Amino acid sequence: LLSNDISKPIRKLVKSMSNIKEGNFDISISYRRNDEFAFLITQYKKMIEEIKELIDKLYVSELSKKEVELKAKEYELK
């Protein structure tokens, strides 16, 4: 019983990490206790959200860069 209490949240985190490794950042880890694992899972969720935001910003930045390059080429052609 004690072993399961310790290993279950770890297995949840490992499964979530596997999903993220495959590119799926939509995680839903539920943990109802108020212990060290709860803190770890909360911080993990925050980290994933920050990573998602950074990826979105990078994607928007790359799109903007490509738009500027396209406009520059259009002006060259004109």
Protein backbone atom coordinates (compact mmCIF):
# COMPACT_ATOMS: atom_id res chain seq x y z
CA LEU A 1 0.00 0.00 0.00
CA LEU A 2 2.78 2.42 0.92
CA SER A 3 4.71 1.53 -2.20
CA ASN A 4 1.65 2.21 -4.35
CA ASP A 5 1.09 5.60 -2.66
CA ILE A 6 4.59 6.61 -3.63
CA SER A 7 4.80 5.05 -7.08
CA LYS A 8 1.37 6.08 -8.40
CA PRO A 9 2.09 9.84 -8.68
CA ILE A 10 5.50 9.05 -10.13
CA ARG A 11 3.90 6.84 -12.79
CA LYS A 12 1.47 9.66 -13.62
CA LEU A 13 4.35 12.08 -14.10
CA VAL A 14 6.29 9.62 -16.24
CA LYS A 15 3.24 8.98 -18.43
CA SER A 16 2.71 12.72 -18.83
CA MET A 17 6.37 13.19 -19.74
CA SER A 18 6.02 10.53 -22.42
CA ASN A 19 3.04 12.39 -23.90
CA ILE A 20 4.97 15.64 -23.89
CA LYS A 21 7.93 13.96 -25.52
CA GLU A 22 5.58 13.00 -28.37
CA GLY A 23 4.45 16.63 -28.69
CA ASN A 24 1.17 16.44 -26.78
CA PHE A 25 1.24 19.31 -24.30
CA ASP A 26 -2.36 18.86 -23.19
CA ILE A 27 -1.84 17.28 -19.81
CA SER A 28 -4.32 16.52 -17.09
CA ILE A 29 -2.79 15.10 -13.97
CA SER A 30 -5.11 14.97 -11.01
CA TYR A 31 -3.69 14.58 -7.54
CA ARG A 32 -5.78 15.39 -4.48
CA ARG A 33 -3.40 15.08 -1.61
CA ASN A 34 -1.47 17.96 -0.11
CA ASP A 35 2.05 16.58 0.06
CA GLU A 36 5.37 16.82 -1.75
CA PHE A 37 3.97 15.14 -4.84
CA ALA A 38 1.21 17.74 -5.04
CA PHE A 39 3.83 20.49 -5.02
CA LEU A 40 5.90 18.66 -7.64
CA ILE A 41 2.90 18.10 -9.91
CA THR A 42 1.76 21.72 -9.54
CA GLN A 43 5.20 23.01 -10.49
CA TYR A 44 5.37 20.55 -13.37
CA LYS A 45 2.04 21.81 -14.73
CA LYS A 46 3.25 25.42 -14.50
CA MET A 47 6.44 24.52 -16.32
CA ILE A 48 4.49 22.83 -19.13
CA GLU A 49 2.21 25.88 -19.48
CA GLU A 50 5.25 28.16 -19.74
CA ILE A 51 6.79 25.88 -22.37
CA LYS A 52 3.53 25.96 -24.36
CA GLU A 53 3.50 29.76 -24.21
CA LEU A 54 7.12 29.95 -25.38
CA ILE A 55 6.40 27.59 -28.27
CA ASP A 56 3.40 29.72 -29.27
CA LYS A 57 5.50 32.89 -29.15
CA LEU A 58 8.20 31.25 -31.23
CA TYR A 59 5.62 30.08 -33.76
CA VAL A 60 4.11 33.57 -34.03
CA SER A 61 7.60 35.05 -34.33
CA GLU A 62 8.48 32.67 -37.15
CA LEU A 63 5.23 33.48 -38.95
CA SER A 64 5.91 37.20 -38.62
CA LYS A 65 9.43 36.70 -39.93
CA LYS A 66 8.15 34.77 -42.95
CA GLU A 67 5.52 37.45 -43.64
CA VAL A 68 8.20 40.14 -43.61
CA GLU A 69 10.35 38.09 -45.96
CA LEU A 70 7.41 37.59 -48.33
CA LYS A 71 6.62 41.31 -48.34
CA ALA A 72 10.27 42.11 -49.03
CA LYS A 73 10.26 39.73 -51.99
CA GLU A 74 7.02 41.22 -53.29
CA TYR A 75 8.53 44.70 -53.15
CA GLU A 76 11.62 43.44 -54.97
CA LEU A 77 9.43 41.98 -57.71
CA LYS A 78 7.49 45.23 -58.05
